[in-house]
Amino acid sequence: MLETILIWSAVCSCVTAAQYVWDKRMAVQGRARIPERTLLLWCLLGGWPGGWITGRRIRHKTHKKSFRIRFAVCVMINIVVSVGILLLGNWLLGK
C-alpha cells in the first residue's frame, strides 16, 4: 500500500513540477499561464512534493500568500488522506 502511494505521489510530483516550470516560463514571457486552480489540483492529487521542491528551486509561487495558504491546505489534506489509507489498509488486512 505504501509503495502505491509513493509511486502515485512521484508521478503526480513530476507532472506538477513540469507545470510549475512551464507556468514560470510563460510568466517571464508574458504569455498565457496555467491557472492556479490547475496547479493546486495536481498538488492536491499528490504532487505537492514536486510543487514544493520546484517552486523553491525556480522561485515560483513562493511569495503569493493566498497561493501558499491553499498549497499548505493541499499538503495537510494529502497527509491526512495518506495516513488514513495506510491505517485503513492495515486494519482491513489485519496487520
N, C-alpha and C. Protein backbone atom coordinates (compact mmCIF):
# COMPACT_ATOMS: atom_id res chain seq x y z
N MET A 1 0.83 -1.20 0.00
CA MET A 1 0.00 0.00 0.00
C MET A 1 0.87 1.26 0.00
N LEU A 2 1.90 1.27 0.85
CA LEU A 2 2.79 2.42 0.92
C LEU A 2 3.50 2.65 -0.41
N GLU A 3 3.91 1.56 -1.05
CA GLU A 3 4.60 1.68 -2.34
C GLU A 3 3.70 2.33 -3.38
N THR A 4 2.43 1.97 -3.38
CA THR A 4 1.47 2.54 -4.33
C THR A 4 1.33 4.04 -4.10
N ILE A 5 1.22 4.44 -2.85
CA ILE A 5 1.10 5.87 -2.53
C ILE A 5 2.35 6.62 -2.97
N LEU A 6 3.52 6.04 -2.72
CA LEU A 6 4.77 6.70 -3.10
C LEU A 6 4.92 6.82 -4.61
N ILE A 7 4.56 5.78 -5.34
CA ILE A 7 4.64 5.83 -6.80
C ILE A 7 3.67 6.87 -7.34
N TRP A 8 2.43 6.86 -6.82
CA TRP A 8 1.43 7.83 -7.25
C TRP A 8 1.93 9.26 -6.99
N SER A 9 2.49 9.48 -5.81
CA SER A 9 2.99 10.81 -5.47
C SER A 9 4.16 11.21 -6.38
N ALA A 10 5.02 10.26 -6.71
CA ALA A 10 6.16 10.57 -7.60
C ALA A 10 5.68 10.97 -8.99
N VAL A 11 4.70 10.25 -9.52
CA VAL A 11 4.17 10.57 -10.84
C VAL A 11 3.50 11.95 -10.81
N CYS A 12 2.65 12.18 -9.82
CA CYS A 12 1.97 13.47 -9.70
C CYS A 12 2.97 14.60 -9.47
N SER A 13 4.04 14.32 -8.73
CA SER A 13 5.07 15.33 -8.48
C SER A 13 5.78 15.73 -9.76
N CYS A 14 6.04 14.76 -10.63
CA CYS A 14 6.68 15.06 -11.92
C CYS A 14 5.78 15.94 -12.78
N VAL A 15 4.51 15.61 -12.83
CA VAL A 15 3.55 16.42 -13.59
C VAL A 15 3.48 17.84 -13.00
N THR A 16 3.38 17.92 -11.69
CA THR A 16 3.27 19.22 -11.02
C THR A 16 4.53 20.05 -11.25
N ALA A 17 5.69 19.43 -11.13
CA ALA A 17 6.95 20.15 -11.35
C ALA A 17 7.02 20.69 -12.77
N ALA A 18 6.63 19.88 -13.74
CA ALA A 18 6.64 20.33 -15.14
C ALA A 18 5.70 21.51 -15.33
N GLN A 19 4.55 21.47 -14.67
CA GLN A 19 3.60 22.58 -14.78
C GLN A 19 4.15 23.85 -14.14
N TYR A 20 4.83 23.73 -13.02
CA TYR A 20 5.43 24.90 -12.38
C TYR A 20 6.47 25.53 -13.31
N VAL A 21 7.32 24.69 -13.91
CA VAL A 21 8.36 25.19 -14.82
C VAL A 21 7.72 25.88 -16.02
N TRP A 22 6.71 25.25 -16.61
CA TRP A 22 6.02 25.83 -17.77
C TRP A 22 5.35 27.16 -17.38
N ASP A 23 4.68 27.19 -16.24
CA ASP A 23 3.99 28.40 -15.81
C ASP A 23 4.99 29.53 -15.57
N LYS A 24 6.12 29.22 -14.98
CA LYS A 24 7.15 30.23 -14.75
C LYS A 24 7.67 30.77 -16.08
N ARG A 25 7.90 29.87 -17.02
CA ARG A 25 8.38 30.28 -18.34
C ARG A 25 7.37 31.21 -19.02
N MET A 26 6.10 30.86 -18.94
CA MET A 26 5.06 31.68 -19.55
C MET A 26 4.94 33.03 -18.85
N ALA A 27 5.13 33.05 -17.53
CA ALA A 27 5.08 34.30 -16.78
C ALA A 27 6.20 35.24 -17.22
N VAL A 28 7.38 34.70 -17.37
CA VAL A 28 8.53 35.51 -17.79
C VAL A 28 8.30 36.07 -19.20
N GLN A 29 7.69 35.27 -20.07
CA GLN A 29 7.45 35.69 -21.45
C GLN A 29 6.18 36.52 -21.61
N GLY A 30 5.41 36.65 -20.54
CA GLY A 30 4.18 37.42 -20.60
C GLY A 30 3.09 36.73 -21.42
N ARG A 31 3.11 35.41 -21.43
CA ARG A 31 2.13 34.65 -22.20
C ARG A 31 1.09 34.01 -21.29
N ALA A 32 0.14 33.30 -21.91
CA ALA A 32 -0.95 32.66 -21.16
C ALA A 32 -0.38 31.68 -20.14
N ARG A 33 -0.90 31.73 -18.93
CA ARG A 33 -0.40 30.95 -17.81
C ARG A 33 -1.28 29.76 -17.51
N ILE A 34 -0.74 28.84 -16.73
CA ILE A 34 -1.52 27.72 -16.20
C ILE A 34 -2.32 28.26 -15.02
N PRO A 35 -3.62 28.02 -14.99
CA PRO A 35 -4.42 28.54 -13.86
C PRO A 35 -3.93 27.97 -12.52
N GLU A 36 -3.96 28.81 -11.48
CA GLU A 36 -3.58 28.35 -10.15
C GLU A 36 -4.42 27.16 -9.72
N ARG A 37 -5.66 27.16 -10.12
CA ARG A 37 -6.57 26.06 -9.78
C ARG A 37 -6.00 24.72 -10.29
N THR A 38 -5.42 24.72 -11.48
CA THR A 38 -4.82 23.51 -12.06
C THR A 38 -3.58 23.09 -11.26
N LEU A 39 -2.73 24.06 -10.94
CA LEU A 39 -1.53 23.75 -10.16
C LEU A 39 -1.91 23.16 -8.80
N LEU A 40 -2.89 23.77 -8.17
CA LEU A 40 -3.33 23.30 -6.85
C LEU A 40 -4.01 21.94 -6.94
N LEU A 41 -4.74 21.68 -8.01
CA LEU A 41 -5.37 20.38 -8.18
C LEU A 41 -4.33 19.28 -8.23
N TRP A 42 -3.25 19.50 -8.99
CA TRP A 42 -2.19 18.49 -9.06
C TRP A 42 -1.48 18.33 -7.72
N CYS A 43 -1.35 19.42 -6.98
CA CYS A 43 -0.77 19.32 -5.63
C CYS A 43 -1.70 18.49 -4.74
N LEU A 44 -2.99 18.74 -4.86
CA LEU A 44 -3.97 18.00 -4.07
C LEU A 44 -4.00 16.52 -4.44
N LEU A 45 -3.79 16.22 -5.71
CA LEU A 45 -3.79 14.82 -6.16
C LEU A 45 -2.57 14.05 -5.69
N GLY A 46 -1.60 14.74 -5.12
CA GLY A 46 -0.42 14.06 -4.60
C GLY A 46 0.90 14.63 -5.09
N GLY A 47 0.84 15.66 -5.91
CA GLY A 47 2.06 16.22 -6.48
C GLY A 47 2.68 17.35 -5.68
N TRP A 48 2.23 17.51 -4.44
CA TRP A 48 2.76 18.62 -3.64
C TRP A 48 4.28 18.56 -3.42
N PRO A 49 4.91 17.37 -3.28
CA PRO A 49 6.37 17.41 -3.11
C PRO A 49 7.08 18.02 -4.32
N GLY A 50 6.62 17.65 -5.52
CA GLY A 50 7.21 18.22 -6.73
C GLY A 50 6.95 19.71 -6.85
N GLY A 51 5.75 20.13 -6.45
CA GLY A 51 5.42 21.55 -6.46
C GLY A 51 6.26 22.33 -5.47
N TRP A 52 6.44 21.77 -4.29
CA TRP A 52 7.21 22.45 -3.25
C TRP A 52 8.67 22.59 -3.65
N ILE A 53 9.27 21.48 -4.10
CA ILE A 53 10.69 21.50 -4.47
C ILE A 53 10.92 22.42 -5.66
N THR A 54 10.12 22.26 -6.70
CA THR A 54 10.29 23.06 -7.90
C THR A 54 10.02 24.53 -7.63
N GLY A 55 8.96 24.81 -6.87
CA GLY A 55 8.66 26.20 -6.54
C GLY A 55 9.82 26.89 -5.84
N ARG A 56 10.46 26.18 -4.94
CA ARG A 56 11.61 26.75 -4.23
C ARG A 56 12.81 26.94 -5.15
N ARG A 57 13.05 25.93 -6.00
CA ARG A 57 14.23 25.99 -6.89
C ARG A 57 14.14 27.11 -7.91
N ILE A 58 12.95 27.28 -8.49
CA ILE A 58 12.82 28.29 -9.55
C ILE A 58 12.16 29.57 -9.05
N ARG A 59 11.92 29.63 -7.75
CA ARG A 59 11.30 30.81 -7.12
C ARG A 59 9.99 31.18 -7.80
N HIS A 60 9.12 30.20 -7.82
CA HIS A 60 7.81 30.41 -8.45
C HIS A 60 6.71 30.11 -7.44
N LYS A 61 5.79 31.04 -7.29
CA LYS A 61 4.66 30.93 -6.37
C LYS A 61 5.12 30.89 -4.91
N THR A 62 6.26 31.49 -4.63
CA THR A 62 6.78 31.44 -3.26
C THR A 62 6.40 32.67 -2.44
N HIS A 63 5.97 33.74 -3.10
CA HIS A 63 5.65 34.96 -2.37
C HIS A 63 4.16 35.28 -2.34
N LYS A 64 3.39 34.59 -3.13
CA LYS A 64 1.96 34.87 -3.17
C LYS A 64 1.29 34.15 -2.01
N LYS A 65 0.94 34.92 -0.99
CA LYS A 65 0.45 34.35 0.26
C LYS A 65 -0.82 33.51 0.08
N SER A 66 -1.76 33.99 -0.73
CA SER A 66 -3.01 33.24 -0.91
C SER A 66 -2.74 31.87 -1.54
N PHE A 67 -1.79 31.80 -2.46
CA PHE A 67 -1.45 30.51 -3.06
C PHE A 67 -0.77 29.61 -2.04
N ARG A 68 0.15 30.16 -1.26
CA ARG A 68 0.88 29.36 -0.27
C ARG A 68 -0.08 28.79 0.78
N ILE A 69 -1.09 29.54 1.16
CA ILE A 69 -2.06 29.03 2.14
C ILE A 69 -2.83 27.87 1.53
N ARG A 70 -3.32 28.03 0.31
CA ARG A 70 -4.07 26.95 -0.33
C ARG A 70 -3.18 25.75 -0.60
N PHE A 71 -1.91 25.99 -0.91
CA PHE A 71 -0.95 24.91 -1.09
C PHE A 71 -0.78 24.13 0.22
N ALA A 72 -0.65 24.84 1.33
CA ALA A 72 -0.49 24.20 2.65
C ALA A 72 -1.71 23.35 2.99
N VAL A 73 -2.90 23.83 2.64
CA VAL A 73 -4.11 23.04 2.86
C VAL A 73 -4.05 21.75 2.04
N CYS A 74 -3.58 21.84 0.80
CA CYS A 74 -3.44 20.63 -0.04
C CYS A 74 -2.48 19.63 0.61
N VAL A 75 -1.38 20.13 1.15
CA VAL A 75 -0.40 19.26 1.81
C VAL A 75 -1.04 18.56 3.01
N MET A 76 -1.75 19.33 3.83
CA MET A 76 -2.38 18.74 5.02
C MET A 76 -3.42 17.69 4.63
N ILE A 77 -4.22 17.98 3.63
CA ILE A 77 -5.22 17.01 3.16
C ILE A 77 -4.53 15.75 2.68
N ASN A 78 -3.44 15.90 1.94
CA ASN A 78 -2.70 14.74 1.45
C ASN A 78 -2.16 13.88 2.58
N ILE A 79 -1.62 14.51 3.59
CA ILE A 79 -1.07 13.76 4.72
C ILE A 79 -2.17 13.01 5.45
N VAL A 80 -3.27 13.68 5.71
CA VAL A 80 -4.39 13.03 6.41
C VAL A 80 -4.94 11.86 5.60
N VAL A 81 -5.15 12.07 4.32
CA VAL A 81 -5.70 11.00 3.47
C VAL A 81 -4.72 9.84 3.36
N SER A 82 -3.43 10.14 3.18
CA SER A 82 -2.43 9.07 3.07
C SER A 82 -2.35 8.24 4.34
N VAL A 83 -2.33 8.90 5.49
CA VAL A 83 -2.29 8.18 6.76
C VAL A 83 -3.57 7.35 6.92
N GLY A 84 -4.71 7.95 6.56
CA GLY A 84 -5.97 7.22 6.64
C GLY A 84 -5.98 5.98 5.77
N ILE A 85 -5.47 6.10 4.55
CA ILE A 85 -5.41 4.94 3.64
C ILE A 85 -4.51 3.86 4.22
N LEU A 86 -3.37 4.27 4.75
CA LEU A 86 -2.45 3.29 5.33
C LEU A 86 -3.06 2.60 6.54
N LEU A 87 -3.69 3.36 7.42
CA LEU A 87 -4.30 2.76 8.61
C LEU A 87 -5.47 1.86 8.24
N LEU A 88 -6.31 2.31 7.33
CA LEU A 88 -7.44 1.51 6.90
C LEU A 88 -6.97 0.24 6.20
N GLY A 89 -5.97 0.38 5.35
CA GLY A 89 -5.42 -0.79 4.66
C GLY A 89 -4.87 -1.81 5.62
N ASN A 90 -4.12 -1.34 6.61
CA ASN A 90 -3.56 -2.24 7.61
C ASN A 90 -4.65 -2.88 8.45
N TRP A 91 -5.67 -2.12 8.78
CA TRP A 91 -6.78 -2.66 9.56
C TRP A 91 -7.54 -3.72 8.78
N LEU A 92 -7.78 -3.44 7.50
CA LEU A 92 -8.51 -4.41 6.67
C LEU A 92 -7.69 -5.69 6.45
N LEU A 93 -6.37 -5.52 6.39
CA LEU A 93 -5.50 -6.69 6.19
C LEU A 93 -5.14 -7.37 7.51
N GLY A 94 -5.60 -6.81 8.61
CA GLY A 94 -5.36 -7.41 9.91
C GLY A 94 -3.94 -7.27 10.42
N LYS A 95 -3.25 -6.21 10.01
CA LYS A 95 -1.86 -6.01 10.46
C LYS A 95 -1.79 -5.10 11.63
